[in-house]
Amino acid sequence: MTADLQACIDGFLAHQRALGRKYRSEQATLRLLTRFATEREITDIAGLTAGILDEFFASRPRPRARSFNQLVGIVSCWLDWAVAQQLLDSSPLRTRRRRETAQRVPFIFDLAAAHRLLDAAAMLPDNSRAAGRGSVYHAIFALCYGLGLRAGEVCSLRVGHVDVERQLIEVRGGKFGKDRLVPFGPRIGNLLAARLEHAGADPDMPLFSFDGRHPIHPGTASQVFHRLVIDLDLNVSDGVGTPRLHSLRHSFAVGCLTRWYRSGDDPTARLYQLSTFMGHVDPVSTAVYLTITTDLLSEANRRFESFAHTAIEGMA
């Protein structure tokens, strides 16, 4: 069985993108593999032996287990696809993933900490290249915390993506290329109305921009976030990771679950709604965001105690 290496990779990428996935980092990784194989005069997928793959992984220094496992996972996914397409009899990959050490729990912003962050963002001074910094970053962080949007999704918003009258945001090209509609309430509505007034009427204009042409990069927003967090000197418990911009999305998910417990809703049933709202394919992906906080554990215990008391009374 013979199959051109580059053609196999191109076919795999085309297949994944037909499913709506971007696969940019995966393309870059597989391009490195192609270059590595070409240097050893391997042009056929059958030439990728277990030894060659081990050499390739060794040539890409990845000290962190998570990064190394991601590299192996990309190659593994491509080879499994090749087997499914009958381009290979079996996958030659024998490299084992590294064991990951215990990861720190994500930092969760409670309402007080979130208000401190947003107030600090609103007070950011302007500079020569960025007028209105305070209102811009206040709005970006508010959307991440209040709607659970990813930083990249917020920074990519255009004027035409926001419908204040219908109270809907159209998120385009989210993770894996998925689009979705995200509803919002009156507070977020007022914030977005102010941004629309500043950005103008052109539907293609970035909602968050300092020059009126280019949207703010999520990496820049992350840098501003980190500087604010340092100044706020938030209380980070042992075993909890340093607050990151993505922590606001985690905080949104935990906040939703906590409120459902308090209001008497069924969290299991509502989890599917949360998954759709956050742009996940299934609740398994959403569960990663549901960090157990003291408040959440307290509400869950209260719910269980109420259930147990009712059950015991029924048995009496």
Protein backbone atom coordinates (compact mmCIF):
# COMPACT_ATOMS: atom_id res chain seq x y z
CA MET A 1 0.00 0.00 0.00
CA THR A 2 1.51 3.33 -1.09
CA ALA A 3 0.19 6.84 -0.69
CA ASP A 4 1.89 10.19 -1.13
CA LEU A 5 2.64 11.73 2.26
CA GLN A 6 1.72 15.31 1.37
CA ALA A 7 -1.46 14.19 -0.40
CA CYS A 8 -2.52 12.28 2.71
CA ILE A 9 -2.00 15.33 4.89
CA ASP A 10 -3.86 17.58 2.46
CA GLY A 11 -6.75 15.12 2.37
CA PHE A 12 -6.90 14.98 6.15
CA LEU A 13 -6.94 18.78 6.49
CA ALA A 14 -9.60 19.11 3.80
CA HIS A 15 -11.74 16.54 5.60
CA GLN A 16 -11.49 18.35 8.95
CA ARG A 17 -12.21 21.75 7.42
CA ALA A 18 -15.24 20.34 5.65
CA LEU A 19 -16.52 19.66 9.17
CA GLY A 20 -16.09 23.35 10.02
CA ARG A 21 -12.77 23.12 11.85
CA LYS A 22 -9.94 25.57 11.26
CA TYR A 23 -7.02 23.21 11.98
CA ARG A 24 -4.36 25.89 11.59
CA SER A 25 -2.07 24.69 14.37
CA GLU A 26 -2.58 21.11 13.18
CA GLN A 27 -1.55 22.13 9.68
CA ALA A 28 1.61 23.76 11.03
CA THR A 29 2.49 20.62 13.00
CA LEU A 30 1.94 18.29 10.06
CA ARG A 31 3.97 20.63 7.86
CA LEU A 32 6.87 20.14 10.27
CA LEU A 33 6.42 16.38 9.98
CA THR A 34 6.43 16.61 6.19
CA ARG A 35 9.65 18.64 6.24
CA PHE A 36 11.24 16.18 8.66
CA ALA A 37 10.30 13.23 6.44
CA THR A 38 11.43 14.96 3.24
CA GLU A 39 14.86 15.58 4.74
CA ARG A 40 15.10 11.79 5.15
CA GLU A 41 13.82 11.22 1.60
CA ILE A 42 10.51 9.81 2.83
CA THR A 43 7.69 10.81 0.50
CA ASP A 44 5.28 7.92 1.12
CA ILE A 45 3.15 7.56 4.24
CA ALA A 46 4.25 3.94 4.53
CA GLY A 47 7.78 5.17 5.18
CA LEU A 48 6.75 6.62 8.52
CA THR A 49 7.85 3.87 10.84
CA ALA A 50 7.59 3.93 14.63
CA GLY A 51 11.30 4.78 14.79
CA ILE A 52 10.98 7.70 12.38
CA LEU A 53 8.04 9.10 14.37
CA ASP A 54 10.02 8.79 17.61
CA GLU A 55 12.86 10.74 15.98
CA PHE A 56 10.41 13.41 14.86
CA PHE A 57 8.99 13.86 18.36
CA ALA A 58 12.50 13.98 19.80
CA SER A 59 13.39 16.74 17.31
CA ARG A 60 10.60 18.95 18.67
CA PRO A 61 11.61 19.89 22.24
CA ARG A 62 8.47 19.98 24.34
CA PRO A 63 9.39 20.10 28.05
CA ARG A 64 5.76 20.39 29.17
CA ALA A 65 3.78 17.16 29.11
CA ARG A 66 0.65 18.88 27.85
CA SER A 67 2.48 20.41 24.88
CA PHE A 68 4.18 17.12 24.02
CA ASN A 69 0.88 15.21 24.24
CA GLN A 70 -0.76 17.74 21.95
CA LEU A 71 1.98 17.11 19.37
CA VAL A 72 1.53 13.34 19.61
CA GLY A 73 -2.25 13.73 19.51
CA ILE A 74 -2.21 15.65 16.22
CA VAL A 75 -0.05 13.04 14.50
CA SER A 76 -2.12 10.24 16.03
CA CYS A 77 -5.38 11.76 14.79
CA TRP A 78 -3.99 12.07 11.25
CA LEU A 79 -2.68 8.49 11.20
CA ASP A 80 -5.98 7.12 12.52
CA TRP A 81 -7.75 8.97 9.72
CA ALA A 82 -5.33 7.45 7.20
CA VAL A 83 -6.14 3.97 8.53
CA ALA A 84 -9.88 4.70 8.26
CA GLN A 85 -9.32 5.82 4.67
CA GLN A 86 -7.43 2.55 4.00
CA LEU A 87 -4.26 4.47 3.23
CA LEU A 88 -2.50 2.47 5.96
CA ASP A 89 -3.09 -1.01 7.32
CA SER A 90 -2.42 0.18 10.87
CA SER A 91 -0.99 3.19 12.65
CA PRO A 92 2.79 2.99 13.14
CA LEU A 93 2.62 5.33 16.13
CA ARG A 94 3.99 3.71 19.29
CA THR A 95 5.05 6.83 21.23
CA ARG A 96 3.38 7.05 24.60
CA ARG A 97 1.90 10.25 25.92
CA ARG A 98 3.58 11.71 28.96
CA ARG A 99 1.89 11.71 32.31
CA GLU A 100 0.66 15.16 33.19
CA THR A 101 1.20 16.45 36.70
CA ALA A 102 -1.80 17.69 38.64
CA GLN A 103 -3.03 20.92 37.10
CA ARG A 104 -3.93 23.90 39.21
CA VAL A 105 -7.61 24.72 39.64
CA PRO A 106 -8.68 27.73 37.52
CA PHE A 107 -9.17 30.99 39.41
CA ILE A 108 -12.86 31.83 39.69
CA PHE A 109 -13.93 35.45 39.92
CA ASP A 110 -16.75 35.95 42.37
CA LEU A 111 -18.99 38.97 41.94
CA ALA A 112 -16.85 41.20 44.17
CA ALA A 113 -13.59 40.32 42.39
CA ALA A 114 -15.25 40.77 38.99
CA HIS A 115 -16.49 44.24 39.97
CA ARG A 116 -13.00 45.19 41.13
CA LEU A 117 -11.56 44.06 37.78
CA LEU A 118 -14.16 45.90 35.72
CA ASP A 119 -13.83 49.08 37.78
CA ALA A 120 -10.04 48.98 37.35
CA ALA A 121 -10.43 48.44 33.60
CA ALA A 122 -12.80 51.40 33.32
CA MET A 123 -10.17 53.62 34.97
CA LEU A 124 -7.42 52.79 32.48
CA PRO A 125 -5.88 56.00 31.11
CA ASP A 126 -5.68 56.80 27.42
CA ASN A 127 -2.41 56.92 25.55
CA SER A 128 -1.27 58.37 22.24
CA ARG A 129 -2.35 55.30 20.27
CA ALA A 130 -5.41 54.27 22.25
CA ALA A 131 -8.18 56.69 23.09
CA GLY A 132 -10.97 55.39 25.29
CA ARG A 133 -8.94 52.47 26.67
CA GLY A 134 -11.00 52.31 29.83
CA SER A 135 -14.39 51.88 28.17
CA VAL A 136 -13.00 49.44 25.58
CA TYR A 137 -11.36 47.02 28.00
CA HIS A 138 -14.20 47.36 30.49
CA ALA A 139 -16.58 46.22 27.74
CA ILE A 140 -14.32 43.36 26.58
CA PHE A 141 -13.90 41.95 30.09
CA ALA A 142 -17.61 42.44 30.84
CA LEU A 143 -18.58 40.34 27.81
CA CYS A 144 -16.12 37.61 28.78
CA TYR A 145 -17.48 37.51 32.33
CA GLY A 146 -21.16 38.29 31.71
CA LEU A 147 -21.69 36.09 28.64
CA GLY A 148 -18.85 33.59 28.91
CA LEU A 149 -17.46 34.55 25.51
CA ARG A 150 -13.89 33.67 24.56
CA ALA A 151 -11.54 36.64 24.31
CA GLY A 152 -11.00 35.93 20.61
CA GLU A 153 -14.76 35.90 20.01
CA VAL A 154 -15.21 39.27 21.74
CA CYS A 155 -12.31 40.94 19.97
CA SER A 156 -13.53 39.66 16.59
CA LEU A 157 -17.01 41.20 16.92
CA ARG A 158 -18.11 43.58 14.22
CA VAL A 159 -20.83 46.22 14.37
CA GLY A 160 -23.12 44.05 12.24
CA HIS A 161 -22.79 41.15 14.67
CA VAL A 162 -24.74 42.95 17.38
CA ASP A 163 -28.53 43.36 17.34
CA VAL A 164 -29.46 45.51 20.32
CA GLU A 165 -33.19 45.44 19.56
CA ARG A 166 -33.38 41.64 19.48
CA GLN A 167 -30.72 41.43 22.22
CA LEU A 168 -28.55 39.02 20.25
CA ILE A 169 -24.86 38.74 19.43
CA GLU A 170 -23.86 36.71 16.40
CA VAL A 171 -20.58 34.97 17.16
CA ARG A 172 -18.92 34.02 13.89
CA GLY A 173 -16.01 31.65 13.45
CA GLY A 174 -15.75 30.57 17.07
CA LYS A 175 -13.69 27.60 18.16
CA PHE A 176 -13.64 24.89 15.45
CA GLY A 177 -15.24 27.44 13.12
CA LYS A 178 -18.69 27.24 14.74
CA ASP A 179 -21.16 30.15 14.59
CA ARG A 180 -23.84 30.76 17.23
CA LEU A 181 -26.31 33.31 18.56
CA VAL A 182 -25.79 34.58 22.10
CA PRO A 183 -28.65 36.43 23.85
CA PHE A 184 -27.94 39.17 26.38
CA GLY A 185 -29.82 41.18 28.98
CA PRO A 186 -30.38 44.92 29.51
CA ARG A 187 -27.06 45.65 31.27
CA ILE A 188 -24.98 44.11 28.50
CA GLY A 189 -27.38 45.77 26.05
CA ASN A 190 -26.59 49.24 27.41
CA LEU A 191 -22.88 48.50 27.25
CA LEU A 192 -23.10 47.29 23.64
CA ALA A 193 -25.28 50.24 22.63
CA ALA A 194 -22.56 52.59 23.85
CA ARG A 195 -19.93 50.69 21.86
CA LEU A 196 -22.09 50.76 18.71
CA GLU A 197 -22.54 54.51 19.04
CA HIS A 198 -18.77 54.91 19.22
CA ALA A 199 -17.95 52.44 16.41
CA GLY A 200 -20.34 53.89 13.83
CA ALA A 201 -22.92 52.45 11.46
CA ASP A 202 -20.73 50.42 9.10
CA PRO A 203 -21.60 46.76 9.85
CA ASP A 204 -18.09 45.62 8.89
CA MET A 205 -16.30 47.92 11.34
CA PRO A 206 -14.68 46.27 14.39
CA LEU A 207 -16.66 46.78 17.57
CA PHE A 208 -13.46 47.09 19.58
CA SER A 209 -10.76 49.09 17.84
CA PHE A 210 -8.48 52.03 18.55
CA ASP A 211 -7.84 53.04 14.94
CA GLY A 212 -11.29 52.28 13.50
CA ARG A 213 -9.89 49.67 11.13
CA HIS A 214 -8.19 46.87 13.03
CA PRO A 215 -9.77 44.96 15.91
CA ILE A 216 -7.93 44.71 19.20
CA HIS A 217 -5.90 41.52 19.33
CA PRO A 218 -6.95 39.09 22.10
CA GLY A 219 -3.29 38.80 23.08
CA THR A 220 -3.22 42.54 23.76
CA ALA A 221 -6.38 42.27 25.85
CA SER A 222 -4.76 39.43 27.79
CA GLN A 223 -1.69 41.56 28.54
CA VAL A 224 -3.85 44.40 29.85
CA PHE A 225 -5.81 41.89 31.96
CA HIS A 226 -2.63 40.51 33.54
CA ARG A 227 -1.35 43.98 34.44
CA LEU A 228 -4.66 44.81 36.10
CA VAL A 229 -4.67 41.53 38.04
CA ILE A 230 -1.20 42.26 39.41
CA ASP A 231 -2.34 45.69 40.62
CA LEU A 232 -5.52 44.25 42.16
CA ASP A 233 -3.50 41.75 44.22
CA LEU A 234 -6.36 39.22 44.30
CA ASN A 235 -6.37 36.51 46.93
CA VAL A 236 -5.28 33.32 45.13
CA SER A 237 -5.56 30.19 47.27
CA ASP A 238 -3.01 27.38 47.30
CA GLY A 239 -3.48 25.02 44.37
CA VAL A 240 -5.30 27.68 42.32
CA GLY A 241 -3.79 28.97 39.10
CA THR A 242 -2.92 32.57 38.38
CA PRO A 243 -5.97 34.49 37.07
CA ARG A 244 -6.04 34.50 33.27
CA LEU A 245 -8.38 36.25 30.87
CA HIS A 246 -9.93 32.85 30.13
CA SER A 247 -10.73 32.60 33.86
CA LEU A 248 -13.65 34.96 33.19
CA ARG A 249 -15.25 32.31 30.97
CA HIS A 250 -14.73 29.70 33.70
CA SER A 251 -16.30 32.10 36.18
CA PHE A 252 -19.36 32.56 33.97
CA ALA A 253 -19.99 28.81 33.83
CA VAL A 254 -19.57 28.34 37.60
CA GLY A 255 -21.79 31.36 38.25
CA CYS A 256 -24.58 29.90 36.11
CA LEU A 257 -24.46 26.56 37.91
CA THR A 258 -24.45 28.22 41.35
CA ARG A 259 -27.48 30.36 40.47
CA TRP A 260 -29.39 27.30 39.24
CA TYR A 261 -28.84 25.55 42.54
CA ARG A 262 -30.00 28.61 44.44
CA SER A 263 -33.13 29.08 42.33
CA GLY A 264 -34.14 25.41 42.57
CA ASP A 265 -33.52 24.60 38.87
CA ASP A 266 -32.28 21.20 37.75
CA PRO A 267 -28.59 21.76 36.87
CA THR A 268 -28.41 18.51 34.89
CA ALA A 269 -31.19 19.59 32.54
CA ARG A 270 -29.87 23.15 32.23
CA LEU A 271 -26.33 21.94 31.45
CA TYR A 272 -27.32 21.25 27.83
CA GLN A 273 -28.49 24.85 27.51
CA LEU A 274 -25.25 26.12 28.99
CA SER A 275 -23.26 23.93 26.60
CA THR A 276 -25.08 25.41 23.60
CA PHE A 277 -24.75 28.94 24.95
CA MET A 278 -20.98 28.56 25.36
CA GLY A 279 -20.52 27.07 21.90
CA HIS A 280 -19.73 23.49 22.90
CA VAL A 281 -20.73 20.39 20.97
CA ASP A 282 -21.73 18.48 24.11
CA PRO A 283 -21.85 18.97 27.92
CA VAL A 284 -18.61 17.00 28.34
CA SER A 285 -16.69 20.01 27.05
CA THR A 286 -18.67 22.34 29.32
CA ALA A 287 -17.94 20.21 32.38
CA VAL A 288 -14.27 21.24 32.14
CA TYR A 289 -15.35 24.75 33.16
CA LEU A 290 -17.35 23.69 36.22
CA THR A 291 -14.79 24.18 38.96
CA ILE A 292 -16.08 23.28 42.43
CA THR A 293 -16.04 26.45 44.53
CA THR A 294 -17.03 26.87 48.17
CA ASP A 295 -20.31 28.53 47.21
CA LEU A 296 -21.13 25.88 44.62
CA LEU A 297 -20.35 23.03 47.01
CA SER A 298 -22.47 24.67 49.70
CA GLU A 299 -25.45 24.99 47.35
CA ALA A 300 -25.07 21.39 46.16
CA ASN A 301 -24.93 20.14 49.76
CA ARG A 302 -28.01 22.15 50.62
CA ARG A 303 -29.87 20.61 47.69
CA PHE A 304 -28.81 17.10 48.71
CA GLU A 305 -29.79 17.65 52.36
CA SER A 306 -33.25 18.80 51.27
CA PHE A 307 -33.62 15.76 49.03
CA ALA A 308 -32.41 13.37 51.73
CA HIS A 309 -34.73 14.88 54.35
CA THR A 310 -37.74 14.47 52.04
CA ALA A 311 -36.75 10.89 51.22
CA ILE A 312 -36.36 9.95 54.90
CA GLU A 313 -39.72 11.47 55.78
CA GLY A 314 -41.33 9.44 52.99
CA MET A 315 -39.89 6.23 54.39
CA ALA A 316 -41.10 6.95 57.94
